[in-house]
Protein backbone atom coordinates (compact mmCIF):
# COMPACT_ATOMS: atom_id res chain seq x y z
CA MET A 1 0.05 0.14 0.31
CA ALA A 2 1.33 3.66 -0.85
CA GLU A 3 2.24 6.06 1.73
CA ASP A 4 -0.19 9.02 1.45
CA PRO A 5 1.63 11.61 0.32
CA ILE A 6 -0.58 14.24 2.53
CA ALA A 7 0.44 12.39 5.72
CA GLN A 8 3.84 12.44 4.88
CA GLY A 9 3.91 16.11 4.49
CA GLU A 10 2.07 16.54 7.72
CA ALA A 11 4.42 13.88 9.27
CA ALA A 12 7.69 16.25 7.88
CA ALA A 13 5.89 19.68 9.00
CA LEU A 14 5.47 18.18 12.65
CA THR A 15 8.76 16.89 12.89
CA ARG A 16 10.24 20.44 11.62
CA ARG A 17 8.51 21.97 14.29
CA TYR A 18 9.39 19.43 16.75
CA GLU A 19 12.94 19.78 15.93
CA GLN A 20 13.08 23.36 16.53
CA HIS A 21 11.23 23.61 19.37
CA ALA A 22 14.02 21.07 20.99
CA GLU A 23 16.13 23.18 19.52
CA GLN A 24 14.81 26.47 21.10
CA THR A 25 14.45 24.18 24.52
CA ASN A 26 18.50 23.09 24.36
CA ASP A 27 19.20 26.68 23.52
CA ALA A 28 17.18 28.04 26.40
CA LEU A 29 18.40 25.79 28.88
CA LYS A 30 21.69 26.23 28.02
CA VAL A 31 21.62 29.63 28.66
CA ILE A 32 20.13 28.54 32.18
CA LYS A 33 22.57 26.48 32.76
CA SER A 34 25.26 29.64 32.47
CA ASP A 35 23.27 31.98 34.35
CA VAL A 36 23.06 29.40 37.30
CA LEU A 37 27.49 28.92 36.95
CA HIS A 38 27.26 32.53 36.89
CA LEU A 39 25.22 32.80 40.12
CA ARG A 40 27.38 30.38 41.81
CA LEU A 41 30.63 31.79 40.96
CA GLU A 42 29.35 35.37 42.32
CA VAL A 43 28.09 33.90 45.77
CA GLY A 44 31.23 32.21 45.83
CA ALA A 45 32.96 35.24 45.69
CA ASN A 46 30.51 37.10 47.81
CA THR A 47 30.76 34.64 50.68
CA THR A 48 34.90 35.05 50.57
CA ARG A 49 34.17 38.76 50.74
CA LEU A 50 31.78 38.25 53.48
CA ASP A 51 34.57 35.49 55.55
CA ALA A 52 37.11 38.62 55.36
CA VAL A 53 34.38 40.93 56.18
CA GLU A 54 33.35 38.95 59.79
CA SER A 55 37.06 38.45 60.35
CA LYS A 56 37.75 42.21 60.58
CA ILE A 57 34.56 42.69 62.67
CA ASP A 58 35.84 39.71 65.01
CA ALA A 59 39.51 41.50 65.34
CA MET A 60 37.92 44.74 66.22
CA HIS A 61 35.59 43.74 68.21
CA GLN A 62 38.61 41.59 70.45
CA GLU A 63 40.46 45.01 70.05
CA MET A 64 37.42 47.16 71.77
CA THR A 65 37.16 44.55 74.24
CA ARG A 66 41.06 44.48 75.21
CA ASN A 67 40.51 48.30 75.16
CA GLN A 68 37.69 48.91 77.26
CA ALA A 69 39.49 46.68 80.22
CA GLN A 70 42.64 48.93 79.73
CA ILE A 71 40.21 51.86 80.08
CA VAL A 72 38.61 50.35 82.89
CA GLU A 73 41.43 49.20 84.74
CA LEU A 74 42.87 52.70 84.25
CA LEU A 75 40.07 53.99 85.49
CA THR A 76 40.04 52.07 88.53
CA ASN A 77 43.56 52.71 89.57
CA LEU A 78 42.66 56.52 89.46
CA VAL A 79 39.88 55.87 92.20
CA GLY A 80 40.71 57.16 95.63
CA LYS A 81 43.60 59.02 94.39
CA GLY A 82 43.46 63.31 94.62
CA PRO A 83 43.24 65.03 91.24
CA GLY A 84 46.34 65.89 91.04
CA ALA A 85 47.93 62.41 92.15
CA SER A 86 49.61 60.48 89.20
């Protein structure tokens, strides 16, 4: 039995549309994967920066604690002394 040329044409058209859609979908997925990779790199870089800032804040906090302890010690030593005493 011979195949229907109209059915073959319809099948070919549907196949082309399917392949075109599949190619567009693959292109879109490639863009999304690229964007996700870029975001991961940005998050990694920002995490590194955040860690550095946290380290600096911790160091400043420790220095402030030491300075406050020194101030308290100096004020404690001054208690009971006259204004002209050293």
